[in-house]
Amino acid sequence: MPVHVEVTKATAPGFFNSPGWEALWTECVEAMRTPDGAVVNTFADLEGQFVSCYEAALGKPVWTLGPLCLSNRDVEAMASRGDTSLDGVRLQSAVAAWLDTKDTDSVVFVSFGSLARKLPKQLFEVGHGLEDSGRPFLWVVKEAEVSAAVPEVQEWLGALEARTAGRGLVVRGWAPQLAILSHRAVGGFVTHCGWNSLLESVAHGVPVVTWPHFADQFLNERLVVDVLGVGVPVGVTAPVMMFDDENVAVARGDIVRAVSALMGEGEEADERRRKAKEYGEKAHVAMAKGGSSYENLTQLIESFRQCGGRKG
């Protein structure tokens, strides 16, 4: 490997250390033996050294075509991705209007993807941590996390919103993530380290606080923290167990520390922001005409034509 990265035994397998997932992992590995190559949502300036290693190990071409989130840069398309309903459009407008009132790079965006669910004890720690950080925040909370089945959460969340009115915005349910990350006011992203979310953050030049939960997320954390230098780890050391409300993986103090490091001043924070902006610029270059991902797509299409010609 071209760089030295360390992961623990507990985090390396991620999802696949749970009963029943080994079979899925085996199927994935076996499936890679039959195709003519691999198409990957990344770009050369982000992971070129690792793509080369993967290509050598696979013995087949690997085409990097990303970041795919930049394939459609229309503002309305980014805002409506995932929800084109009337309520969704209203939410997008409300979020954009709130962000417009904030200073550039001042808001920390908090979202944990579609799978990771915070149960009450952990949810409370997240909220208190954001409140105690003193930073403007936009926090996406899943509908399932504030359902009628847990009225104490609804009551607590309402009180948090009242205490942080003007500084914080809590969005219940879906949120226009791409539009949020591309807004000039967003200066940091607390993320579960899902690949799509990380790539969207990189593509828009936003540094991150890493909070991995399972699967590939711990390896993704190592990439952005140790290799790219655009992340601050919140301090998780083991995969989260689904629906475990007895243990709190991350305390409010950890959140305050990580958010303060990410959004604060000083050489390290400035360097993270500089690198994040640089990778964002490189991502746009990769997708533009003549860029690495653009050229790879051209080569991929040509390989399809050649295969079709041979079969014909």
Protein backbone atom coordinates (compact mmCIF):
# COMPACT_ATOMS: atom_id res chain seq x y z
CA MET A 1 0.00 0.00 0.00
CA PRO A 2 1.29 3.51 -0.78
CA VAL A 3 0.39 4.90 2.68
CA HIS A 4 0.30 3.51 6.21
CA VAL A 5 -3.22 3.31 7.67
CA GLU A 6 -4.14 1.44 10.84
CA VAL A 7 -7.56 0.01 11.69
CA THR A 8 -8.55 -2.13 14.65
CA LYS A 9 -9.89 -5.65 14.36
CA ALA A 10 -13.21 -4.46 15.78
CA THR A 11 -13.76 -1.86 13.06
CA ALA A 12 -12.20 -3.48 9.98
CA PRO A 13 -15.04 -5.92 9.20
CA GLY A 14 -17.79 -3.40 10.01
CA PHE A 15 -21.19 -4.86 9.14
CA PHE A 16 -19.68 -8.18 8.22
CA ASN A 17 -18.82 -9.19 11.77
CA SER A 18 -22.52 -9.81 12.42
CA PRO A 19 -24.07 -13.27 11.94
CA GLY A 20 -25.41 -13.78 8.43
CA TRP A 21 -23.41 -11.01 6.77
CA GLU A 22 -20.43 -13.21 5.99
CA ALA A 23 -22.40 -14.85 3.18
CA LEU A 24 -23.13 -11.46 1.60
CA TRP A 25 -19.45 -10.52 1.81
CA THR A 26 -18.48 -13.79 0.09
CA GLU A 27 -21.03 -13.15 -2.68
CA CYS A 28 -19.61 -9.66 -3.26
CA VAL A 29 -16.06 -10.98 -3.55
CA GLU A 30 -17.10 -13.79 -5.90
CA ALA A 31 -19.10 -11.39 -8.06
CA MET A 32 -15.95 -9.37 -8.75
CA ARG A 33 -14.30 -12.37 -10.42
CA THR A 34 -16.60 -12.39 -13.46
CA PRO A 35 -16.96 -8.82 -14.86
CA ASP A 36 -14.57 -7.14 -17.31
CA GLY A 37 -13.80 -4.32 -14.88
CA ALA A 38 -15.17 -2.10 -12.14
CA VAL A 39 -16.88 1.29 -12.18
CA VAL A 40 -16.26 3.32 -9.01
CA ASN A 41 -17.81 6.54 -7.74
CA THR A 42 -14.60 8.40 -6.90
CA PHE A 43 -11.98 10.41 -8.82
CA ALA A 44 -8.30 10.10 -9.56
CA ASP A 45 -7.07 13.03 -7.47
CA LEU A 46 -8.90 11.67 -4.42
CA GLU A 47 -7.97 7.98 -4.45
CA GLY A 48 -5.68 7.47 -7.42
CA GLN A 49 -3.06 5.55 -5.45
CA PHE A 50 -5.66 3.16 -4.02
CA VAL A 51 -7.39 2.71 -7.37
CA SER A 52 -4.05 1.64 -8.87
CA CYS A 53 -3.57 -0.93 -6.10
CA TYR A 54 -7.12 -2.22 -6.56
CA GLU A 55 -6.67 -2.43 -10.32
CA ALA A 56 -3.46 -4.43 -9.89
CA ALA A 57 -5.08 -6.80 -7.40
CA LEU A 58 -8.17 -7.21 -9.56
CA GLY A 59 -6.24 -7.68 -12.77
CA LYS A 60 -8.90 -5.69 -14.60
CA PRO A 61 -9.49 -2.03 -15.45
CA VAL A 62 -11.11 0.24 -12.88
CA TRP A 63 -12.94 3.32 -14.16
CA THR A 64 -13.37 6.20 -11.71
CA LEU A 65 -16.37 8.27 -12.81
CA GLY A 66 -17.12 10.47 -9.83
CA PRO A 67 -18.12 12.39 -7.94
CA LEU A 68 -21.49 11.51 -9.49
CA CYS A 69 -23.17 14.10 -7.27
CA LEU A 70 -21.65 16.72 -9.60
CA SER A 71 -23.13 15.18 -12.75
CA ASN A 72 -26.12 17.53 -12.49
CA ARG A 73 -25.19 20.92 -11.06
CA ASP A 74 -28.59 22.54 -11.57
CA VAL A 75 -29.55 24.25 -8.30
CA GLU A 76 -33.17 23.08 -8.41
CA ALA A 77 -32.13 19.52 -9.20
CA MET A 78 -29.76 19.44 -6.22
CA ALA A 79 -32.40 20.86 -3.92
CA SER A 80 -35.19 18.51 -4.98
CA ARG A 81 -33.19 15.27 -5.05
CA GLY A 82 -35.12 12.76 -2.97
CA ASP A 83 -38.31 14.79 -2.40
CA THR A 84 -40.22 16.71 -5.07
CA SER A 85 -43.47 16.97 -3.10
CA LEU A 86 -44.98 20.34 -2.18
CA ASP A 87 -43.90 19.88 1.44
CA GLY A 88 -40.40 19.02 0.25
CA VAL A 89 -40.19 22.18 -1.86
CA ARG A 90 -41.37 24.29 1.08
CA LEU A 91 -38.76 22.71 3.33
CA GLN A 92 -36.01 23.39 0.79
CA SER A 93 -37.01 27.05 0.64
CA ALA A 94 -37.13 27.35 4.44
CA VAL A 95 -33.70 25.73 4.86
CA ALA A 96 -32.16 27.92 2.16
CA ALA A 97 -33.68 31.05 3.68
CA TRP A 98 -32.30 30.16 7.12
CA LEU A 99 -28.82 29.46 5.74
CA ASP A 100 -28.88 32.75 3.84
CA THR A 101 -28.95 34.58 7.19
CA LYS A 102 -25.71 32.95 8.39
CA ASP A 103 -22.10 33.97 7.86
CA THR A 104 -19.94 32.11 5.35
CA ASP A 105 -18.51 28.82 6.69
CA SER A 106 -20.20 29.35 10.08
CA VAL A 107 -22.79 26.53 10.18
CA VAL A 108 -22.11 22.92 11.13
CA PHE A 109 -24.42 20.50 9.30
CA VAL A 110 -25.32 17.29 11.16
CA SER A 111 -26.82 14.24 9.43
CA PHE A 112 -26.28 10.51 9.84
CA GLY A 113 -27.67 9.06 6.61
CA SER A 114 -30.72 6.90 6.07
CA LEU A 115 -29.79 3.78 8.09
CA ALA A 116 -28.16 4.90 11.33
CA ARG A 117 -30.82 5.60 13.95
CA LYS A 118 -30.13 7.42 17.20
CA LEU A 119 -32.13 6.18 20.19
CA PRO A 120 -33.12 8.66 22.94
CA LYS A 121 -30.01 8.56 25.16
CA GLN A 122 -27.65 9.14 22.24
CA LEU A 123 -30.00 11.65 20.61
CA PHE A 124 -29.97 13.75 23.78
CA GLU A 125 -26.16 13.76 23.83
CA VAL A 126 -26.02 14.96 20.22
CA GLY A 127 -28.42 17.80 20.94
CA HIS A 128 -26.68 18.90 24.13
CA GLY A 129 -23.31 18.72 22.39
CA LEU A 130 -24.49 20.98 19.57
CA GLU A 131 -26.03 23.38 22.06
CA ASP A 132 -22.89 23.48 24.21
CA SER A 133 -20.63 24.01 21.18
CA GLY A 134 -21.98 27.52 20.75
CA ARG A 135 -21.87 27.13 16.96
CA PRO A 136 -24.74 27.66 14.50
CA PHE A 137 -26.02 24.22 13.49
CA LEU A 138 -28.44 22.52 11.12
CA TRP A 139 -29.38 19.10 12.49
CA VAL A 140 -31.37 16.48 10.57
CA VAL A 141 -33.37 14.17 12.86
CA LYS A 142 -35.18 11.14 11.44
CA GLU A 143 -38.95 10.87 11.78
CA ALA A 144 -38.50 7.50 13.49
CA GLU A 145 -36.31 9.14 16.14
CA VAL A 146 -39.05 11.59 17.14
CA SER A 147 -42.13 9.45 16.55
CA ALA A 148 -45.23 9.56 18.73
CA ALA A 149 -43.94 6.41 20.46
CA VAL A 150 -41.33 8.49 22.28
CA PRO A 151 -43.14 11.66 23.43
CA GLU A 152 -40.29 12.58 25.79
CA VAL A 153 -38.03 13.04 22.76
CA GLN A 154 -40.50 15.38 21.08
CA GLU A 155 -40.82 17.44 24.25
CA TRP A 156 -37.06 17.58 24.75
CA LEU A 157 -36.39 18.49 21.12
CA GLY A 158 -38.93 21.30 21.27
CA ALA A 159 -37.20 22.71 24.35
CA LEU A 160 -33.82 22.50 22.60
CA GLU A 161 -35.19 24.40 19.62
CA ALA A 162 -36.52 27.12 21.93
CA ARG A 163 -33.17 27.48 23.71
CA THR A 164 -31.19 27.66 20.46
CA ALA A 165 -33.69 29.66 18.41
CA GLY A 166 -31.91 31.62 15.70
CA ARG A 167 -28.65 29.73 16.15
CA GLY A 168 -29.90 26.20 15.48
CA LEU A 169 -32.31 24.64 13.00
CA VAL A 170 -33.69 21.12 13.47
CA VAL A 171 -35.10 19.42 10.38
CA ARG A 172 -37.35 16.42 11.01
CA GLY A 173 -37.21 13.77 8.31
CA TRP A 174 -35.70 14.33 4.87
CA ALA A 175 -33.38 17.26 4.11
CA PRO A 176 -31.86 18.52 0.81
CA GLN A 177 -28.31 17.42 1.66
CA LEU A 178 -26.63 18.39 -1.61
CA ALA A 179 -28.14 21.86 -1.55
CA ILE A 180 -27.11 22.28 2.09
CA LEU A 181 -23.51 21.18 1.52
CA SER A 182 -23.19 23.49 -1.47
CA HIS A 183 -24.40 26.54 0.47
CA ARG A 184 -21.72 29.10 1.31
CA ALA A 185 -22.80 29.21 5.00
CA VAL A 186 -21.95 25.55 5.70
CA GLY A 187 -18.41 25.19 7.02
CA GLY A 188 -18.47 21.68 8.48
CA PHE A 189 -20.36 18.38 8.35
CA VAL A 190 -20.86 15.87 11.17
CA THR A 191 -21.34 12.64 9.21
CA HIS A 192 -21.71 8.88 9.64
CA CYS A 193 -19.05 8.45 6.93
CA GLY A 194 -21.27 6.75 4.38
CA TRP A 195 -19.45 6.94 1.06
CA ASN A 196 -22.05 9.04 -0.76
CA SER A 197 -22.19 11.59 2.06
CA LEU A 198 -18.40 11.82 2.31
CA LEU A 199 -18.01 12.23 -1.43
CA GLU A 200 -20.69 14.94 -1.49
CA SER A 201 -18.86 16.76 1.28
CA VAL A 202 -15.51 16.46 -0.50
CA ALA A 203 -17.04 17.61 -3.79
CA HIS A 204 -18.27 20.79 -2.14
CA GLY A 205 -15.09 21.48 -0.19
CA VAL A 206 -16.58 20.92 3.28
CA PRO A 207 -14.40 19.39 6.05
CA VAL A 208 -16.00 16.82 8.33
CA VAL A 209 -16.36 15.42 11.84
CA THR A 210 -16.31 11.64 11.41
CA TRP A 211 -18.76 9.44 13.34
CA PRO A 212 -18.73 6.00 11.67
CA HIS A 213 -21.30 3.37 12.64
CA PHE A 214 -20.71 0.17 10.64
CA ALA A 215 -19.79 -1.43 7.28
CA ASP A 216 -17.17 0.52 5.30
CA GLN A 217 -17.62 3.67 7.36
CA PHE A 218 -14.59 3.15 9.62
CA LEU A 219 -12.31 2.69 6.61
CA ASN A 220 -13.83 5.80 5.05
CA GLU A 221 -13.01 7.65 8.26
CA ARG A 222 -9.36 6.66 7.99
CA LEU A 223 -9.27 7.99 4.43
CA VAL A 224 -10.58 11.46 5.25
CA VAL A 225 -8.71 11.80 8.57
CA ASP A 226 -5.34 10.10 7.94
CA VAL A 227 -4.90 10.35 4.17
CA LEU A 228 -6.81 13.41 2.96
CA GLY A 229 -6.46 15.41 6.16
CA VAL A 230 -9.96 16.93 6.00
CA GLY A 231 -11.60 15.26 9.01
CA VAL A 232 -11.74 15.31 12.81
CA PRO A 233 -12.72 12.00 14.47
CA VAL A 234 -15.40 12.17 17.15
CA GLY A 235 -13.76 9.19 18.85
CA VAL A 236 -15.86 6.10 18.05
CA THR A 237 -13.82 2.90 18.46
CA ALA A 238 -16.33 0.12 17.70
CA PRO A 239 -19.34 -0.48 15.44
CA VAL A 240 -22.66 0.55 16.93
CA MET A 241 -25.15 -2.17 17.79
CA MET A 242 -28.57 -1.51 16.30
CA PHE A 243 -31.26 -0.44 18.80
CA ASP A 244 -28.85 -0.49 21.76
CA ASP A 245 -30.12 2.26 24.05
CA GLU A 246 -28.17 1.16 27.09
CA ASN A 247 -24.84 2.54 25.93
CA VAL A 248 -23.87 5.97 24.63
CA ALA A 249 -21.14 5.71 22.00
CA VAL A 250 -20.42 9.44 21.92
CA ALA A 251 -20.89 11.84 24.83
CA ARG A 252 -21.77 15.51 24.46
CA GLY A 253 -18.25 16.52 25.44
CA ASP A 254 -16.85 14.54 22.51
CA ILE A 255 -19.16 16.39 20.16
CA VAL A 256 -18.18 19.78 21.58
CA ARG A 257 -14.49 18.91 21.23
CA ALA A 258 -14.77 17.67 17.64
CA VAL A 259 -17.04 20.49 16.43
CA SER A 260 -14.84 23.11 18.10
CA ALA A 261 -11.73 21.63 16.45
CA LEU A 262 -13.42 21.53 13.04
CA MET A 263 -15.03 24.96 13.10
CA GLY A 264 -12.44 26.83 15.17
CA GLU A 265 -9.34 28.82 14.40
CA GLY A 266 -5.67 27.86 14.33
CA GLU A 267 -3.23 26.31 11.89
CA GLU A 268 -4.70 22.78 11.95
CA ALA A 269 -8.26 23.99 11.34
CA ASP A 270 -7.12 26.35 8.59
CA GLU A 271 -5.14 23.56 6.92
CA ARG A 272 -8.17 21.23 6.97
CA ARG A 273 -10.29 23.90 5.35
CA ARG A 274 -7.61 24.61 2.75
CA LYS A 275 -7.31 20.93 1.84
CA ALA A 276 -11.09 20.50 1.73
CA LYS A 277 -11.46 23.44 -0.68
CA GLU A 278 -8.61 22.06 -2.79
CA TYR A 279 -10.24 18.63 -3.11
CA GLY A 280 -13.53 20.32 -3.95
CA GLU A 281 -11.88 22.17 -6.82
CA LYS A 282 -10.21 18.97 -8.04
CA ALA A 283 -13.56 17.16 -7.95
CA HIS A 284 -15.10 19.73 -10.28
CA VAL A 285 -12.10 19.53 -12.62
CA ALA A 286 -12.42 15.72 -12.74
CA MET A 287 -16.04 15.95 -13.89
CA ALA A 288 -15.46 18.72 -16.42
CA LYS A 289 -14.66 18.07 -20.07
CA GLY A 290 -11.11 16.77 -20.29
CA GLY A 291 -11.03 15.82 -16.61
CA SER A 292 -10.08 12.36 -15.37
CA SER A 293 -13.63 11.15 -14.72
CA TYR A 294 -14.88 12.63 -17.98
CA GLU A 295 -12.14 10.84 -19.91
CA ASN A 296 -12.75 7.58 -18.03
CA LEU A 297 -16.41 7.69 -19.02
CA THR A 298 -15.35 8.17 -22.64
CA GLN A 299 -13.03 5.16 -22.38
CA LEU A 300 -15.75 3.07 -20.73
CA ILE A 301 -18.19 3.84 -23.54
CA GLU A 302 -15.52 2.93 -26.08
CA SER A 303 -14.89 -0.39 -24.33
CA PHE A 304 -18.62 -1.15 -24.58
CA ARG A 305 -18.51 -0.43 -28.31
CA GLN A 306 -15.55 -2.73 -28.77
CA CYS A 307 -17.25 -5.52 -26.82
CA GLY A 308 -20.38 -5.06 -28.90
CA GLY A 309 -18.36 -5.20 -32.10
CA ARG A 310 -16.66 -8.45 -31.08
CA LYS A 311 -19.97 -10.07 -30.18
CA GLY A 312 -21.50 -8.89 -33.44
